[in-house]
Amino acid sequence: MIQLLETQIASNEGIMVQSGKIYLVMTIVSIILIGLFIYVASIDKKITQLEKK
């Protein structure tokens, strides 16, 4: 039973890599993370300006 589950997981990973969808997912995740970092940096800059006033 465990071997069957391990085989199924391995085949699912192979499908993602073979079809190239893993690269699409990683690209989207990277874009989202970069956007979040930019957003946090801009909020930090605005807070710093308010603290100086």
PDB file of N, CA and C in Angstrom:
ATOM      1  N   MET A   1       0.823  -1.193   0.000  1.00  0.00           N
ATOM      2  CA  MET A   1       0.000   0.000   0.000  1.00  0.00           C
ATOM      3  C   MET A   1       0.868   1.257   0.000  1.00  0.00           C
ATOM      4  N   ILE A   2       1.887   1.295   0.865  1.00  0.00           N
ATOM      5  CA  ILE A   2       2.769   2.462   0.943  1.00  0.00           C
ATOM      6  C   ILE A   2       3.532   2.620  -0.360  1.00  0.00           C
ATOM      7  N   GLN A   3       3.972   1.509  -0.935  1.00  0.00           N
ATOM      8  CA  GLN A   3       4.706   1.566  -2.189  1.00  0.00           C
ATOM      9  C   GLN A   3       3.820   2.113  -3.298  1.00  0.00           C
ATOM     10  N   LEU A   4       2.555   1.765  -3.303  1.00  0.00           N
ATOM     11  CA  LEU A   4       1.622   2.271  -4.300  1.00  0.00           C
ATOM     12  C   LEU A   4       1.471   3.780  -4.178  1.00  0.00           C
ATOM     13  N   LEU A   5       1.378   4.290  -2.956  1.00  0.00           N
ATOM     14  CA  LEU A   5       1.254   5.732  -2.733  1.00  0.00           C
ATOM     15  C   LEU A   5       2.519   6.463  -3.161  1.00  0.00           C
ATOM     16  N   GLU A   6       3.686   5.884  -2.845  1.00  0.00           N
ATOM     17  CA  GLU A   6       4.946   6.506  -3.247  1.00  0.00           C
ATOM     18  C   GLU A   6       5.067   6.549  -4.758  1.00  0.00           C
ATOM     19  N   THR A   7       4.646   5.507  -5.437  1.00  0.00           N
ATOM     20  CA  THR A   7       4.689   5.469  -6.896  1.00  0.00           C
ATOM     21  C   THR A   7       3.760   6.515  -7.484  1.00  0.00           C
ATOM     22  N   GLN A   8       2.583   6.667  -6.897  1.00  0.00           N
ATOM     23  CA  GLN A   8       1.623   7.647  -7.388  1.00  0.00           C
ATOM     24  C   GLN A   8       2.153   9.067  -7.192  1.00  0.00           C
ATOM     25  N   ILE A   9       2.778   9.351  -6.062  1.00  0.00           N
ATOM     26  CA  ILE A   9       3.340  10.681  -5.816  1.00  0.00           C
ATOM     27  C   ILE A   9       4.455  10.960  -6.810  1.00  0.00           C
ATOM     28  N   ALA A  10       5.315   9.990  -7.040  1.00  0.00           N
ATOM     29  CA  ALA A  10       6.414  10.172  -7.976  1.00  0.00           C
ATOM     30  C   ALA A  10       5.901  10.417  -9.385  1.00  0.00           C
ATOM     31  N   SER A  11       4.847   9.719  -9.784  1.00  0.00           N
ATOM     32  CA  SER A  11       4.324   9.910 -11.134  1.00  0.00           C
ATOM     33  C   SER A  11       3.661  11.275 -11.273  1.00  0.00           C
ATOM     34  N   ASN A  12       3.019  11.776 -10.204  1.00  0.00           N
ATOM     35  CA  ASN A  12       2.429  13.104 -10.249  1.00  0.00           C
ATOM     36  C   ASN A  12       3.498  14.181 -10.395  1.00  0.00           C
ATOM     37  N   GLU A  13       4.625  14.031  -9.701  1.00  0.00           N
ATOM     38  CA  GLU A  13       5.717  14.978  -9.827  1.00  0.00           C
ATOM     39  C   GLU A  13       6.286  14.936 -11.248  1.00  0.00           C
ATOM     40  N   GLY A  14       6.367  13.756 -11.806  1.00  0.00           N
ATOM     41  CA  GLY A  14       6.873  13.611 -13.169  1.00  0.00           C
ATOM     42  C   GLY A  14       5.976  14.298 -14.173  1.00  0.00           C
ATOM     43  N   ILE A  15       4.681  14.234 -13.952  1.00  0.00           N
ATOM     44  CA  ILE A  15       3.738  14.879 -14.862  1.00  0.00           C
ATOM     45  C   ILE A  15       3.922  16.392 -14.831  1.00  0.00           C
ATOM     46  N   MET A  16       4.093  16.958 -13.635  1.00  0.00           N
ATOM     47  CA  MET A  16       4.275  18.405 -13.520  1.00  0.00           C
ATOM     48  C   MET A  16       5.558  18.843 -14.227  1.00  0.00           C
ATOM     49  N   VAL A  17       6.622  18.077 -14.060  1.00  0.00           N
ATOM     50  CA  VAL A  17       7.887  18.458 -14.670  1.00  0.00           C
ATOM     51  C   VAL A  17       7.841  18.232 -16.180  1.00  0.00           C
ATOM     52  N   GLN A  18       7.258  17.127 -16.612  1.00  0.00           N
ATOM     53  CA  GLN A  18       7.217  16.809 -18.033  1.00  0.00           C
ATOM     54  C   GLN A  18       6.403  17.816 -18.817  1.00  0.00           C
ATOM     55  N   SER A  19       5.290  18.261 -18.268  1.00  0.00           N
ATOM     56  CA  SER A  19       4.436  19.173 -19.014  1.00  0.00           C
ATOM     57  C   SER A  19       4.912  20.619 -18.901  1.00  0.00           C
ATOM     58  N   GLY A  20       5.888  20.890 -18.054  1.00  0.00           N
ATOM     59  CA  GLY A  20       6.421  22.234 -17.922  1.00  0.00           C
ATOM     60  C   GLY A  20       5.584  23.130 -17.023  1.00  0.00           C
ATOM     61  N   LYS A  21       4.564  22.599 -16.395  1.00  0.00           N
ATOM     62  CA  LYS A  21       3.708  23.407 -15.538  1.00  0.00           C
ATOM     63  C   LYS A  21       4.425  23.842 -14.271  1.00  0.00           C
ATOM     64  N   ILE A  22       5.420  23.076 -13.840  1.00  0.00           N
ATOM     65  CA  ILE A  22       6.149  23.435 -12.627  1.00  0.00           C
ATOM     66  C   ILE A  22       6.840  24.777 -12.820  1.00  0.00           C
ATOM     67  N   TYR A  23       7.317  25.054 -14.030  1.00  0.00           N
ATOM     68  CA  TYR A  23       7.986  26.319 -14.297  1.00  0.00           C
ATOM     69  C   TYR A  23       6.988  27.477 -14.264  1.00  0.00           C
ATOM     70  N   LEU A  24       5.791  27.237 -14.740  1.00  0.00           N
ATOM     71  CA  LEU A  24       4.739  28.248 -14.689  1.00  0.00           C
ATOM     72  C   LEU A  24       4.366  28.548 -13.248  1.00  0.00           C
ATOM     73  N   VAL A  25       4.213  27.522 -12.434  1.00  0.00           N
ATOM     74  CA  VAL A  25       3.863  27.703 -11.027  1.00  0.00           C
ATOM     75  C   VAL A  25       4.967  28.464 -10.306  1.00  0.00           C
ATOM     76  N   MET A  26       6.221  28.093 -10.536  1.00  0.00           N
ATOM     77  CA  MET A  26       7.335  28.766  -9.882  1.00  0.00           C
ATOM     78  C   MET A  26       7.436  30.227 -10.325  1.00  0.00           C
ATOM     79  N   THR A  27       7.152  30.516 -11.577  1.00  0.00           N
ATOM     80  CA  THR A  27       7.175  31.887 -12.072  1.00  0.00           C
ATOM     81  C   THR A  27       6.101  32.725 -11.395  1.00  0.00           C
ATOM     82  N   ILE A  28       4.895  32.187 -11.282  1.00  0.00           N
ATOM     83  CA  ILE A  28       3.800  32.911 -10.644  1.00  0.00           C
ATOM     84  C   ILE A  28       4.095  33.151  -9.164  1.00  0.00           C
ATOM     85  N   VAL A  29       4.613  32.139  -8.482  1.00  0.00           N
ATOM     86  CA  VAL A  29       4.963  32.290  -7.066  1.00  0.00           C
ATOM     87  C   VAL A  29       6.048  33.350  -6.902  1.00  0.00           C
ATOM     88  N   SER A  30       7.036  33.352  -7.792  1.00  0.00           N
ATOM     89  CA  SER A  30       8.113  34.346  -7.722  1.00  0.00           C
ATOM     90  C   SER A  30       7.574  35.751  -7.923  1.00  0.00           C
ATOM     91  N   ILE A  31       6.681  35.926  -8.888  1.00  0.00           N
ATOM     92  CA  ILE A  31       6.096  37.236  -9.143  1.00  0.00           C
ATOM     93  C   ILE A  31       5.310  37.723  -7.930  1.00  0.00           C
ATOM     94  N   ILE A  32       4.547  36.839  -7.320  1.00  0.00           N
ATOM     95  CA  ILE A  32       3.771  37.212  -6.134  1.00  0.00           C
ATOM     96  C   ILE A  32       4.698  37.613  -4.988  1.00  0.00           C
ATOM     97  N   LEU A  33       5.763  36.848  -4.763  1.00  0.00           N
ATOM     98  CA  LEU A  33       6.695  37.170  -3.683  1.00  0.00           C
ATOM     99  C   LEU A  33       7.402  38.497  -3.927  1.00  0.00           C
ATOM    100  N   ILE A  34       7.822  38.740  -5.157  1.00  0.00           N
ATOM    101  CA  ILE A  34       8.473  40.011  -5.486  1.00  0.00           C
ATOM    102  C   ILE A  34       7.506  41.168  -5.249  1.00  0.00           C
ATOM    103  N   GLY A  35       6.251  40.995  -5.647  1.00  0.00           N
ATOM    104  CA  GLY A  35       5.239  42.024  -5.419  1.00  0.00           C
ATOM    105  C   GLY A  35       5.031  42.296  -3.943  1.00  0.00           C
ATOM    106  N   LEU A  36       5.003  41.245  -3.134  1.00  0.00           N
ATOM    107  CA  LEU A  36       4.850  41.424  -1.685  1.00  0.00           C
ATOM    108  C   LEU A  36       6.034  42.164  -1.078  1.00  0.00           C
ATOM    109  N   PHE A  37       7.248  41.824  -1.511  1.00  0.00           N
ATOM    110  CA  PHE A  37       8.428  42.514  -0.994  1.00  0.00           C
ATOM    111  C   PHE A  37       8.413  43.996  -1.369  1.00  0.00           C
ATOM    112  N   ILE A  38       8.013  44.302  -2.593  1.00  0.00           N
ATOM    113  CA  ILE A  38       7.926  45.698  -3.022  1.00  0.00           C
ATOM    114  C   ILE A  38       6.866  46.429  -2.205  1.00  0.00           C
ATOM    115  N   TYR A  39       5.732  45.787  -1.966  1.00  0.00           N
ATOM    116  CA  TYR A  39       4.662  46.398  -1.179  1.00  0.00           C
ATOM    117  C   TYR A  39       5.122  46.684   0.246  1.00  0.00           C
ATOM    118  N   VAL A  40       5.784  45.716   0.873  1.00  0.00           N
ATOM    119  CA  VAL A  40       6.261  45.897   2.245  1.00  0.00           C
ATOM    120  C   VAL A  40       7.310  47.006   2.288  1.00  0.00           C
ATOM    121  N   ALA A  41       8.187  47.069   1.300  1.00  0.00           N
ATOM    122  CA  ALA A  41       9.206  48.113   1.270  1.00  0.00           C
ATOM    123  C   ALA A  41       8.563  49.488   1.130  1.00  0.00           C
ATOM    124  N   SER A  42       7.527  49.603   0.310  1.00  0.00           N
ATOM    125  CA  SER A  42       6.871  50.900   0.148  1.00  0.00           C
ATOM    126  C   SER A  42       6.131  51.308   1.424  1.00  0.00           C
ATOM    127  N   ILE A  43       5.503  50.363   2.092  1.00  0.00           N
ATOM    128  CA  ILE A  43       4.833  50.651   3.357  1.00  0.00           C
ATOM    129  C   ILE A  43       5.862  51.098   4.403  1.00  0.00           C
ATOM    130  N   ASP A  44       7.018  50.431   4.432  1.00  0.00           N
ATOM    131  CA  ASP A  44       8.068  50.792   5.369  1.00  0.00           C
ATOM    132  C   ASP A  44       8.562  52.207   5.101  1.00  0.00           C
ATOM    133  N   LYS A  45       8.710  52.553   3.841  1.00  0.00           N
ATOM    134  CA  LYS A  45       9.164  53.897   3.472  1.00  0.00           C
ATOM    135  C   LYS A  45       8.146  54.950   3.924  1.00  0.00           C
ATOM    136  N   LYS A  46       6.860  54.668   3.728  1.00  0.00           N
ATOM    137  CA  LYS A  46       5.817  55.608   4.136  1.00  0.00           C
ATOM    138  C   LYS A  46       5.780  55.768   5.658  1.00  0.00           C
ATOM    139  N   ILE A  47       5.936  54.671   6.381  1.00  0.00           N
ATOM    140  CA  ILE A  47       5.943  54.731   7.846  1.00  0.00           C
ATOM    141  C   ILE A  47       7.142  55.521   8.343  1.00  0.00           C
ATOM    142  N   THR A  48       8.294  55.327   7.714  1.00  0.00           N
ATOM    143  CA  THR A  48       9.501  56.068   8.092  1.00  0.00           C
ATOM    144  C   THR A  48       9.289  57.562   7.885  1.00  0.00           C
ATOM    145  N   GLN A  49       8.658  57.945   6.789  1.00  0.00           N
ATOM    146  CA  GLN A  49       8.391  59.356   6.532  1.00  0.00           C
ATOM    147  C   GLN A  49       7.438  59.929   7.570  1.00  0.00           C
ATOM    148  N   LEU A  50       6.427  59.165   7.973  1.00  0.00           N
ATOM    149  CA  LEU A  50       5.488  59.635   8.981  1.00  0.00           C
ATOM    150  C   LEU A  50       6.154  59.771  10.353  1.00  0.00           C
ATOM    151  N   GLU A  51       7.091  58.875  10.659  1.00  0.00           N
ATOM    152  CA  GLU A  51       7.793  58.945  11.938  1.00  0.00           C
ATOM    153  C   GLU A  51       8.687  60.186  12.025  1.00  0.00           C
ATOM    154  N   LYS A  52       9.231  60.609  10.897  1.00  0.00           N
ATOM    155  CA  LYS A  52      10.098  61.779  10.887  1.00  0.00           C
ATOM    156  C   LYS A  52       9.333  63.073  11.112  1.00  0.00           C
ATOM    157  N   LYS A  53       8.048  63.088  10.774  1.00  0.00           N
ATOM    158  CA  LYS A  53       7.244  64.313  10.920  1.00  0.00           C
ATOM    159  C   LYS A  53       6.913  64.621  12.344  1.00  0.00           C
TER     160      LYS A  53
END
